[in-house]
Structures are given as C-alpha cells and as structure tokens.
Amino acid sequence: MRIYTSIFFLLLCHLAHAQAVRVTNGNSSPKQTASVTGSVHLPSVLTLRLSSVANTQFNFDNWEAYKNGVVKSGIIHAKIKSTRPWVLTVSAPEESFVSTSGNSLPYSLLKVKPTNGATFVPLSVQPSTLLTSASSQISSEQDFDLKMDSPLGFKGGNYSATIVFSLTAQ
C-alpha cells in the first residue's frame, strides 16, 4: 500500500510540475504557477424527526364523537432538515390495524393534515403527499392534526395503529 501511495504522490507531483507555466512580466521577473485538480463529494442530506403528544388516544365515549369523529390538533410535530427540496408523505403500513382482542379497523378511518392545512388526507398503503418544500431551505418545522372518523359498525376494543411518514429528496 505504501508503494502505491508513493507512486501516486510522485505521479501527482509530476502532473502538477508538467502543468507549470513560466510567465514573465515587463520587468523580466520570472513567475511560475501550477494547479492541481480535485473533486468534491456532495451527497444530499435529509433528516426527519417526529414527536407526538403523550395522549394520542381517541375516545369515542359519546354520541357526538360517533357522529363527527375525533380530532387531535397539533398532536404530531415534525422537524425536517434537508440540503435539497423535499416531499413529505404519509401512509399506513397495511390495510387495517388490530385491537388487543383481534378485531380490525381500516386505516382509512385515520386522517392526517398539517395544522395550518385545510384538508385531511385518509391513510392508505399508498403514500399521500402532505408537504412539499418551496425551496431548498435548510430546516422546517410543522405540526400535524389527526382525525379518526366514526368507527360506527365496528367492534369495540383497544386498537393500536402506526402511521408512516417518509421524507424524500426531489
């Protein structure tokens, strides 16, 4: 390895010397310049950090909740850092989520939207776009609201669900 490194260094010095140019100015003072060319590795860097409020439980304990669904405002907070423009999507890992007793609810009952957004996006296994960066700003923070539509007609129980957020460079 040492021999190859030395040969490479000597070759590099030889190339730099070979590119040297001798220039004289009006005073006949000689000047010599040389250049070396290198490269820069510049990967895209993306970071997504999520946090949620401790109480993410949806309670359907009255008729109003069954009629209108339940909304949890600002329940998820996202911190995004990126060196490039990006797209943030949301999806479900599968078609339905399951209760501790084995009953299932479709993920489409759960919906997500940016807190300052107008329309809730229902979850599905196909990713749906939530946010797109307007430029290559380095960092961005956003809160999200969750809504669960009425589970009327489904069996009761304690259900657990996973929501998948994905950050992709454009």
N, C-alpha and C. Protein backbone atom coordinates (compact mmCIF):
# COMPACT_ATOMS: atom_id res chain seq x y z
N MET A 1 0.83 -1.18 0.00
CA MET A 1 0.00 0.00 0.00
C MET A 1 0.88 1.25 0.00
N ARG A 2 1.96 1.24 0.74
CA ARG A 2 2.85 2.39 0.84
C ARG A 2 3.49 2.70 -0.51
N ILE A 3 3.85 1.67 -1.26
CA ILE A 3 4.48 1.85 -2.57
C ILE A 3 3.51 2.54 -3.52
N TYR A 4 2.24 2.08 -3.53
CA TYR A 4 1.24 2.68 -4.42
C TYR A 4 0.97 4.13 -4.04
N THR A 5 0.93 4.43 -2.74
CA THR A 5 0.71 5.80 -2.29
C THR A 5 1.86 6.69 -2.73
N SER A 6 3.09 6.22 -2.60
CA SER A 6 4.25 6.99 -3.01
C SER A 6 4.25 7.20 -4.52
N ILE A 7 3.91 6.17 -5.27
CA ILE A 7 3.87 6.29 -6.73
C ILE A 7 2.80 7.30 -7.13
N PHE A 8 1.61 7.24 -6.48
CA PHE A 8 0.53 8.17 -6.77
C PHE A 8 0.97 9.60 -6.46
N PHE A 9 1.63 9.82 -5.31
CA PHE A 9 2.09 11.14 -4.93
C PHE A 9 3.12 11.66 -5.92
N LEU A 10 4.06 10.81 -6.31
CA LEU A 10 5.06 11.23 -7.29
C LEU A 10 4.41 11.55 -8.63
N LEU A 11 3.44 10.73 -9.03
CA LEU A 11 2.74 10.96 -10.28
C LEU A 11 1.97 12.28 -10.22
N LEU A 12 1.30 12.54 -9.10
CA LEU A 12 0.57 13.78 -8.91
C LEU A 12 1.51 14.98 -8.97
N CYS A 13 2.66 14.89 -8.30
CA CYS A 13 3.64 15.97 -8.34
C CYS A 13 4.17 16.16 -9.76
N HIS A 14 4.39 15.07 -10.46
CA HIS A 14 4.88 15.15 -11.83
C HIS A 14 3.84 15.85 -12.72
N LEU A 15 2.54 15.49 -12.54
CA LEU A 15 1.50 16.13 -13.33
C LEU A 15 1.40 17.62 -13.01
N ALA A 16 1.49 17.96 -11.72
CA ALA A 16 1.45 19.37 -11.34
C ALA A 16 2.64 20.11 -11.94
N HIS A 17 3.83 19.48 -11.91
CA HIS A 17 5.01 20.09 -12.49
C HIS A 17 4.85 20.21 -14.00
N ALA A 18 4.23 19.21 -14.61
CA ALA A 18 4.06 19.23 -16.06
C ALA A 18 3.11 20.35 -16.47
N GLN A 19 2.18 20.74 -15.58
CA GLN A 19 1.25 21.79 -15.91
C GLN A 19 1.79 23.17 -15.55
N ALA A 20 2.99 23.24 -15.01
CA ALA A 20 3.58 24.52 -14.62
C ALA A 20 3.78 25.38 -15.86
N VAL A 21 3.55 26.65 -15.67
CA VAL A 21 3.68 27.60 -16.77
C VAL A 21 4.66 28.68 -16.34
N ARG A 22 5.58 29.00 -17.20
CA ARG A 22 6.56 30.04 -16.90
C ARG A 22 6.10 31.32 -17.58
N VAL A 23 5.95 32.35 -16.79
CA VAL A 23 5.45 33.62 -17.29
C VAL A 23 6.44 34.71 -16.92
N THR A 24 6.65 35.62 -17.78
CA THR A 24 7.49 36.77 -17.45
C THR A 24 6.66 38.02 -17.60
N ASN A 25 6.92 38.98 -16.74
CA ASN A 25 6.20 40.24 -16.87
C ASN A 25 7.15 41.27 -17.48
N GLY A 26 6.72 42.51 -17.53
CA GLY A 26 7.52 43.54 -18.17
C GLY A 26 8.88 43.75 -17.55
N ASN A 27 9.12 43.41 -16.29
CA ASN A 27 10.41 43.59 -15.62
C ASN A 27 11.31 42.38 -15.82
N SER A 28 10.90 41.47 -16.63
CA SER A 28 11.64 40.24 -16.88
C SER A 28 11.81 39.41 -15.62
N SER A 29 10.89 39.56 -14.64
CA SER A 29 10.93 38.72 -13.45
C SER A 29 10.15 37.46 -13.73
N PRO A 30 10.80 36.32 -13.67
CA PRO A 30 10.09 35.08 -13.97
C PRO A 30 9.09 34.73 -12.87
N LYS A 31 8.01 34.12 -13.29
CA LYS A 31 6.97 33.67 -12.35
C LYS A 31 6.50 32.32 -12.85
N GLN A 32 6.27 31.42 -11.93
CA GLN A 32 5.83 30.08 -12.31
C GLN A 32 4.59 29.73 -11.50
N THR A 33 3.57 29.21 -12.16
CA THR A 33 2.36 28.78 -11.46
C THR A 33 2.06 27.34 -11.82
N ALA A 34 1.33 26.67 -10.94
CA ALA A 34 0.92 25.28 -11.16
C ALA A 34 -0.46 25.10 -10.56
N SER A 35 -1.19 24.10 -11.02
CA SER A 35 -2.51 23.84 -10.47
C SER A 35 -2.71 22.34 -10.28
N VAL A 36 -3.57 22.03 -9.34
CA VAL A 36 -3.95 20.65 -9.06
C VAL A 36 -5.47 20.60 -9.06
N THR A 37 -6.04 19.59 -9.67
CA THR A 37 -7.48 19.43 -9.73
C THR A 37 -7.93 18.33 -8.78
N GLY A 38 -9.01 18.60 -8.05
CA GLY A 38 -9.57 17.61 -7.12
C GLY A 38 -11.06 17.48 -7.34
N SER A 39 -11.74 16.77 -6.46
CA SER A 39 -13.18 16.60 -6.58
C SER A 39 -13.83 16.78 -5.22
N VAL A 40 -15.13 17.03 -5.24
CA VAL A 40 -15.92 17.23 -4.03
C VAL A 40 -17.06 16.22 -4.05
N HIS A 41 -17.21 15.48 -2.97
CA HIS A 41 -18.34 14.55 -2.83
C HIS A 41 -19.42 15.28 -2.04
N LEU A 42 -20.59 15.50 -2.63
CA LEU A 42 -21.64 16.30 -2.02
C LEU A 42 -22.96 15.53 -2.03
N PRO A 43 -23.18 14.64 -1.04
CA PRO A 43 -24.43 13.88 -1.02
C PRO A 43 -25.58 14.74 -0.50
N SER A 44 -26.80 14.36 -0.86
CA SER A 44 -27.99 15.00 -0.29
C SER A 44 -28.15 14.49 1.13
N VAL A 45 -28.48 15.39 2.04
CA VAL A 45 -28.67 15.01 3.44
C VAL A 45 -30.10 15.36 3.83
N LEU A 46 -30.83 14.37 4.34
CA LEU A 46 -32.21 14.55 4.78
C LEU A 46 -32.35 14.03 6.20
N THR A 47 -33.05 14.79 7.04
CA THR A 47 -33.32 14.34 8.41
C THR A 47 -34.78 14.63 8.73
N LEU A 48 -35.47 13.63 9.26
CA LEU A 48 -36.85 13.77 9.70
C LEU A 48 -36.94 13.29 11.14
N ARG A 49 -37.38 14.17 12.02
CA ARG A 49 -37.58 13.81 13.43
C ARG A 49 -39.04 14.07 13.78
N LEU A 50 -39.69 13.05 14.36
CA LEU A 50 -41.09 13.17 14.75
C LEU A 50 -41.23 13.04 16.25
N SER A 51 -42.15 13.80 16.80
CA SER A 51 -42.52 13.63 18.20
C SER A 51 -44.04 13.78 18.28
N SER A 52 -44.62 13.17 19.31
CA SER A 52 -46.07 13.27 19.46
C SER A 52 -46.41 13.53 20.91
N VAL A 53 -47.59 14.08 21.09
CA VAL A 53 -48.12 14.34 22.42
C VAL A 53 -48.35 13.00 23.11
N ALA A 54 -48.14 12.95 24.40
CA ALA A 54 -48.25 11.69 25.14
C ALA A 54 -49.63 11.04 25.00
N ASN A 55 -50.71 11.80 25.05
CA ASN A 55 -52.05 11.22 24.98
C ASN A 55 -52.55 11.23 23.54
N THR A 56 -52.28 10.18 22.82
CA THR A 56 -52.75 10.08 21.43
C THR A 56 -53.96 9.16 21.33
N GLN A 57 -54.65 8.97 22.41
CA GLN A 57 -55.80 8.07 22.42
C GLN A 57 -57.06 8.79 21.92
N PHE A 58 -57.75 8.15 20.99
CA PHE A 58 -59.03 8.65 20.51
C PHE A 58 -60.13 7.99 21.33
N ASN A 59 -60.95 8.80 22.00
CA ASN A 59 -62.03 8.27 22.83
C ASN A 59 -63.37 8.50 22.15
N PHE A 60 -64.08 7.43 21.87
CA PHE A 60 -65.43 7.51 21.33
C PHE A 60 -66.38 7.14 22.47
N ASP A 61 -66.54 8.10 23.37
CA ASP A 61 -67.32 7.83 24.58
C ASP A 61 -68.62 8.63 24.64
N ASN A 62 -68.99 9.25 23.48
CA ASN A 62 -70.27 9.96 23.43
C ASN A 62 -70.79 9.95 21.99
N TRP A 63 -72.08 10.30 21.83
CA TRP A 63 -72.70 10.25 20.50
C TRP A 63 -72.11 11.28 19.55
N GLU A 64 -71.68 12.40 20.07
CA GLU A 64 -71.08 13.46 19.24
C GLU A 64 -69.80 12.95 18.57
N ALA A 65 -69.00 12.20 19.31
CA ALA A 65 -67.77 11.63 18.75
C ALA A 65 -68.10 10.65 17.63
N TYR A 66 -69.11 9.81 17.85
CA TYR A 66 -69.51 8.86 16.80
C TYR A 66 -70.11 9.58 15.59
N LYS A 67 -70.73 10.71 15.80
CA LYS A 67 -71.35 11.44 14.70
C LYS A 67 -70.31 12.18 13.86
N ASN A 68 -69.34 12.87 14.52
CA ASN A 68 -68.40 13.75 13.82
C ASN A 68 -66.97 13.23 13.74
N GLY A 69 -66.67 12.17 14.46
CA GLY A 69 -65.28 11.73 14.55
C GLY A 69 -64.56 12.52 15.63
N VAL A 70 -63.29 12.20 15.86
CA VAL A 70 -62.50 12.88 16.89
C VAL A 70 -61.25 13.45 16.25
N VAL A 71 -60.97 14.73 16.54
CA VAL A 71 -59.79 15.40 16.01
C VAL A 71 -58.82 15.70 17.15
N LYS A 72 -57.56 15.41 16.92
CA LYS A 72 -56.47 15.76 17.85
C LYS A 72 -55.59 16.78 17.13
N SER A 73 -55.67 18.04 17.53
CA SER A 73 -54.93 19.12 16.85
C SER A 73 -53.49 19.20 17.34
N GLY A 74 -52.57 19.37 16.40
CA GLY A 74 -51.15 19.55 16.74
C GLY A 74 -50.54 18.39 17.48
N ILE A 75 -51.03 17.20 17.27
CA ILE A 75 -50.60 16.05 18.05
C ILE A 75 -49.24 15.49 17.62
N ILE A 76 -48.84 15.75 16.37
CA ILE A 76 -47.54 15.28 15.86
C ILE A 76 -46.73 16.50 15.45
N HIS A 77 -45.46 16.52 15.83
CA HIS A 77 -44.55 17.61 15.47
C HIS A 77 -43.40 17.03 14.64
N ALA A 78 -43.16 17.63 13.48
CA ALA A 78 -42.08 17.17 12.59
C ALA A 78 -41.01 18.25 12.48
N LYS A 79 -39.75 17.82 12.57
CA LYS A 79 -38.60 18.69 12.30
C LYS A 79 -37.89 18.11 11.08
N ILE A 80 -37.75 18.94 10.06
CA ILE A 80 -37.14 18.50 8.80
C ILE A 80 -35.90 19.33 8.54
N LYS A 81 -34.81 18.66 8.19
CA LYS A 81 -33.59 19.33 7.74
C LYS A 81 -33.18 18.67 6.44
N SER A 82 -32.85 19.50 5.46
CA SER A 82 -32.51 18.95 4.15
C SER A 82 -31.62 19.92 3.38
N THR A 83 -30.73 19.36 2.59
CA THR A 83 -29.88 20.17 1.74
C THR A 83 -30.50 20.34 0.35
N ARG A 84 -31.65 19.73 0.12
CA ARG A 84 -32.34 19.80 -1.18
C ARG A 84 -33.84 19.98 -0.96
N PRO A 85 -34.56 20.40 -1.99
CA PRO A 85 -36.02 20.41 -1.88
C PRO A 85 -36.53 18.98 -1.58
N TRP A 86 -37.66 18.89 -0.89
CA TRP A 86 -38.13 17.59 -0.41
C TRP A 86 -39.64 17.46 -0.53
N VAL A 87 -40.12 16.21 -0.34
CA VAL A 87 -41.54 15.89 -0.27
C VAL A 87 -41.75 15.03 0.97
N LEU A 88 -42.76 15.37 1.77
CA LEU A 88 -43.13 14.58 2.94
C LEU A 88 -44.44 13.86 2.64
N THR A 89 -44.41 12.52 2.76
CA THR A 89 -45.62 11.73 2.50
C THR A 89 -46.03 11.00 3.78
N VAL A 90 -47.26 10.53 3.78
CA VAL A 90 -47.79 9.76 4.90
C VAL A 90 -48.48 8.52 4.33
N SER A 91 -48.37 7.41 5.08
CA SER A 91 -49.02 6.17 4.63
C SER A 91 -49.28 5.27 5.83
N ALA A 92 -49.98 4.19 5.56
CA ALA A 92 -50.24 3.15 6.57
C ALA A 92 -49.41 1.93 6.20
N PRO A 93 -48.94 1.18 7.20
CA PRO A 93 -48.13 0.00 6.90
C PRO A 93 -48.92 -1.16 6.31
N GLU A 94 -50.24 -1.15 6.51
CA GLU A 94 -51.11 -2.21 5.98
C GLU A 94 -52.53 -1.67 5.90
N GLU A 95 -53.46 -2.47 5.42
CA GLU A 95 -54.84 -2.02 5.19
C GLU A 95 -55.62 -1.73 6.48
N SER A 96 -55.33 -2.48 7.55
CA SER A 96 -56.09 -2.29 8.79
C SER A 96 -55.20 -2.45 10.01
N PHE A 97 -55.67 -1.89 11.12
CA PHE A 97 -54.96 -2.07 12.39
C PHE A 97 -55.84 -2.89 13.32
N VAL A 98 -55.20 -3.54 14.29
CA VAL A 98 -55.86 -4.60 15.05
C VAL A 98 -55.94 -4.24 16.54
N SER A 99 -57.04 -4.69 17.16
CA SER A 99 -57.22 -4.49 18.60
C SER A 99 -56.52 -5.61 19.36
N THR A 100 -56.41 -5.42 20.67
CA THR A 100 -55.79 -6.45 21.51
C THR A 100 -56.59 -7.74 21.50
N SER A 101 -57.88 -7.66 21.14
CA SER A 101 -58.70 -8.87 21.07
C SER A 101 -58.81 -9.44 19.66
N GLY A 102 -58.07 -8.86 18.70
CA GLY A 102 -58.03 -9.41 17.34
C GLY A 102 -58.99 -8.79 16.34
N ASN A 103 -59.79 -7.80 16.75
CA ASN A 103 -60.68 -7.11 15.83
C ASN A 103 -59.87 -6.12 14.99
N SER A 104 -60.40 -5.76 13.82
CA SER A 104 -59.63 -4.83 12.98
C SER A 104 -60.48 -3.64 12.53
N LEU A 105 -59.78 -2.52 12.30
CA LEU A 105 -60.36 -1.30 11.76
C LEU A 105 -59.56 -0.90 10.53
N PRO A 106 -60.20 -0.37 9.49
CA PRO A 106 -59.43 0.07 8.33
C PRO A 106 -58.65 1.35 8.65
N TYR A 107 -57.43 1.43 8.15
CA TYR A 107 -56.60 2.62 8.35
C TYR A 107 -57.24 3.85 7.73
N SER A 108 -58.11 3.68 6.76
CA SER A 108 -58.74 4.83 6.10
C SER A 108 -59.61 5.65 7.06
N LEU A 109 -59.94 5.10 8.24
CA LEU A 109 -60.65 5.88 9.25
C LEU A 109 -59.76 6.97 9.86
N LEU A 110 -58.44 6.78 9.78
CA LEU A 110 -57.48 7.77 10.30
C LEU A 110 -57.08 8.72 9.19
N LYS A 111 -57.04 10.02 9.52
CA LYS A 111 -56.68 11.05 8.54
C LYS A 111 -55.67 12.00 9.16
N VAL A 112 -54.81 12.58 8.31
CA VAL A 112 -53.75 13.48 8.77
C VAL A 112 -53.78 14.74 7.91
N LYS A 113 -53.43 15.87 8.54
CA LYS A 113 -53.24 17.11 7.78
C LYS A 113 -52.29 18.02 8.54
N PRO A 114 -51.58 18.90 7.82
CA PRO A 114 -50.80 19.91 8.52
C PRO A 114 -51.77 20.78 9.33
N THR A 115 -51.35 21.23 10.51
CA THR A 115 -52.23 22.01 11.38
C THR A 115 -52.78 23.23 10.65
N ASN A 116 -51.98 23.85 9.80
CA ASN A 116 -52.46 25.02 9.07
C ASN A 116 -53.08 24.65 7.72
N GLY A 117 -53.25 23.36 7.46
CA GLY A 117 -53.83 22.89 6.19
C GLY A 117 -55.34 22.80 6.27
N ALA A 118 -55.97 22.66 5.13
CA ALA A 118 -57.43 22.66 5.09
C ALA A 118 -58.04 21.27 5.01
N THR A 119 -57.37 20.33 4.34
CA THR A 119 -57.99 19.04 4.04
C THR A 119 -57.25 17.89 4.70
N PHE A 120 -58.00 17.03 5.37
CA PHE A 120 -57.42 15.81 5.94
C PHE A 120 -57.17 14.80 4.83
N VAL A 121 -56.07 14.07 4.94
CA VAL A 121 -55.70 13.03 3.98
C VAL A 121 -55.92 11.67 4.65
N PRO A 122 -56.80 10.82 4.09
CA PRO A 122 -57.01 9.49 4.70
C PRO A 122 -55.77 8.61 4.49
N LEU A 123 -55.47 7.79 5.48
CA LEU A 123 -54.32 6.90 5.38
C LEU A 123 -54.64 5.71 4.49
N SER A 124 -53.65 5.31 3.74
CA SER A 124 -53.74 4.09 2.94
C SER A 124 -52.33 3.55 2.78
N VAL A 125 -52.20 2.37 2.20
CA VAL A 125 -50.87 1.81 2.00
C VAL A 125 -50.11 2.57 0.91
N GLN A 126 -50.83 3.32 0.06
CA GLN A 126 -50.19 4.17 -0.94
C GLN A 126 -49.84 5.52 -0.31
N PRO A 127 -48.58 5.96 -0.41
CA PRO A 127 -48.19 7.24 0.20
C PRO A 127 -48.96 8.42 -0.40
N SER A 128 -49.37 9.36 0.46
CA SER A 128 -50.03 10.59 0.04
C SER A 128 -49.16 11.77 0.45
N THR A 129 -49.02 12.75 -0.43
CA THR A 129 -48.18 13.91 -0.15
C THR A 129 -48.86 14.81 0.88
N LEU A 130 -48.12 15.16 1.93
CA LEU A 130 -48.59 16.10 2.95
C LEU A 130 -47.99 17.48 2.74
N LEU A 131 -46.68 17.54 2.49
CA LEU A 131 -45.96 18.80 2.34
C LEU A 131 -44.90 18.68 1.26
N THR A 132 -44.62 19.79 0.62
CA THR A 132 -43.53 19.89 -0.34
C THR A 132 -42.78 21.17 -0.02
N SER A 133 -41.46 21.10 0.02
CA SER A 133 -40.70 22.31 0.32
C SER A 133 -40.79 23.27 -0.86
N ALA A 134 -40.88 24.56 -0.54
CA ALA A 134 -40.97 25.59 -1.58
C ALA A 134 -39.60 25.90 -2.15
N SER A 135 -38.56 25.63 -1.39
CA SER A 135 -37.19 25.92 -1.84
C SER A 135 -36.26 24.95 -1.13
N SER A 136 -35.00 25.23 -1.22
CA SER A 136 -34.04 24.36 -0.55
C SER A 136 -33.68 24.92 0.83
N GLN A 137 -34.69 25.39 1.57
CA GLN A 137 -34.42 25.88 2.91
C GLN A 137 -33.85 24.75 3.75
N ILE A 138 -32.94 25.07 4.62
CA ILE A 138 -32.22 24.06 5.40
C ILE A 138 -33.14 23.33 6.38
N SER A 139 -33.98 24.07 7.11
CA SER A 139 -34.82 23.40 8.11
C SER A 139 -36.25 23.92 8.09
N SER A 140 -37.14 23.06 8.55
CA SER A 140 -38.56 23.39 8.59
C SER A 140 -39.20 22.61 9.74
N GLU A 141 -40.19 23.20 10.37
CA GLU A 141 -40.94 22.51 11.43
C GLU A 141 -42.42 22.63 11.12
N GLN A 142 -43.16 21.57 11.43
CA GLN A 142 -44.59 21.54 11.12
C GLN A 142 -45.32 20.67 12.13
N ASP A 143 -46.48 21.14 12.56
CA ASP A 143 -47.37 20.33 13.40
C ASP A 143 -48.46 19.72 12.52
N PHE A 144 -48.94 18.55 12.95
CA PHE A 144 -49.98 17.84 12.19
C PHE A 144 -51.15 17.49 13.10
N ASP A 145 -52.34 17.51 12.52
CA ASP A 145 -53.56 17.11 13.21
C ASP A 145 -53.92 15.70 12.76
N LEU A 146 -54.51 14.94 13.66
CA LEU A 146 -55.03 13.61 13.33
C LEU A 146 -56.54 13.61 13.55
N LYS A 147 -57.23 12.92 12.69
CA LYS A 147 -58.66 12.75 12.84
C LYS A 147 -58.98 11.28 12.67
N MET A 148 -59.89 10.81 13.51
CA MET A 148 -60.41 9.46 13.31
C MET A 148 -61.90 9.59 13.06
N ASP A 149 -62.30 9.14 11.87
CA ASP A 149 -63.73 9.14 11.55
C ASP A 149 -64.44 8.12 12.42
N SER A 150 -65.73 8.20 12.46
CA SER A 150 -66.54 7.32 13.30
C SER A 150 -66.31 5.84 12.96
N PRO A 151 -66.01 5.04 13.98
CA PRO A 151 -65.89 3.60 13.76
C PRO A 151 -67.23 2.89 13.95
N LEU A 152 -68.32 3.61 13.72
CA LEU A 152 -69.66 3.05 13.88
C LEU A 152 -69.80 1.79 13.02
N GLY A 153 -70.26 0.72 13.62
CA GLY A 153 -70.44 -0.54 12.92
C GLY A 153 -69.28 -1.51 13.13
N PHE A 154 -68.19 -1.05 13.74
CA PHE A 154 -67.05 -1.93 14.02
C PHE A 154 -67.08 -2.34 15.48
N LYS A 155 -66.45 -3.44 15.80
CA LYS A 155 -66.39 -3.93 17.18
C LYS A 155 -65.49 -3.05 18.03
N GLY A 156 -65.90 -2.87 19.29
CA GLY A 156 -65.13 -2.06 20.24
C GLY A 156 -63.86 -2.78 20.68
N GLY A 157 -62.98 -2.05 21.31
CA GLY A 157 -61.74 -2.61 21.82
C GLY A 157 -60.65 -1.56 21.89
N ASN A 158 -59.48 -1.97 22.31
CA ASN A 158 -58.31 -1.10 22.35
C ASN A 158 -57.45 -1.41 21.13
N TYR A 159 -57.35 -0.44 20.24
CA TYR A 159 -56.63 -0.59 18.98
C TYR A 159 -55.32 0.17 19.02
N SER A 160 -54.36 -0.32 18.29
CA SER A 160 -53.07 0.34 18.18
C SER A 160 -52.73 0.50 16.70
N ALA A 161 -52.29 1.71 16.30
CA ALA A 161 -52.01 1.99 14.89
C ALA A 161 -50.65 2.64 14.74
N THR A 162 -50.02 2.41 13.59
CA THR A 162 -48.74 3.02 13.23
C THR A 162 -48.96 3.87 11.99
N ILE A 163 -48.44 5.09 12.03
CA ILE A 163 -48.51 5.98 10.86
C ILE A 163 -47.09 6.18 10.36
N VAL A 164 -46.89 6.03 9.04
CA VAL A 164 -45.55 6.10 8.44
C VAL A 164 -45.40 7.46 7.71
N PHE A 165 -44.43 8.24 8.15
CA PHE A 165 -44.07 9.49 7.47
C PHE A 165 -42.76 9.23 6.73
N SER A 166 -42.67 9.66 5.46
CA SER A 166 -41.45 9.47 4.67
C SER A 166 -41.02 10.80 4.07
N LEU A 167 -39.73 11.09 4.18
CA LEU A 167 -39.14 12.30 3.62
C LEU A 167 -38.27 11.91 2.44
N THR A 168 -38.52 12.50 1.28
CA THR A 168 -37.79 12.13 0.05
C THR A 168 -37.27 13.39 -0.63
N ALA A 169 -36.04 13.34 -1.09
CA ALA A 169 -35.47 14.46 -1.85
C ALA A 169 -36.12 14.52 -3.22
N GLN A 170 -36.37 15.74 -3.71
CA GLN A 170 -36.94 15.92 -5.05
C GLN A 170 -35.85 15.88 -6.10
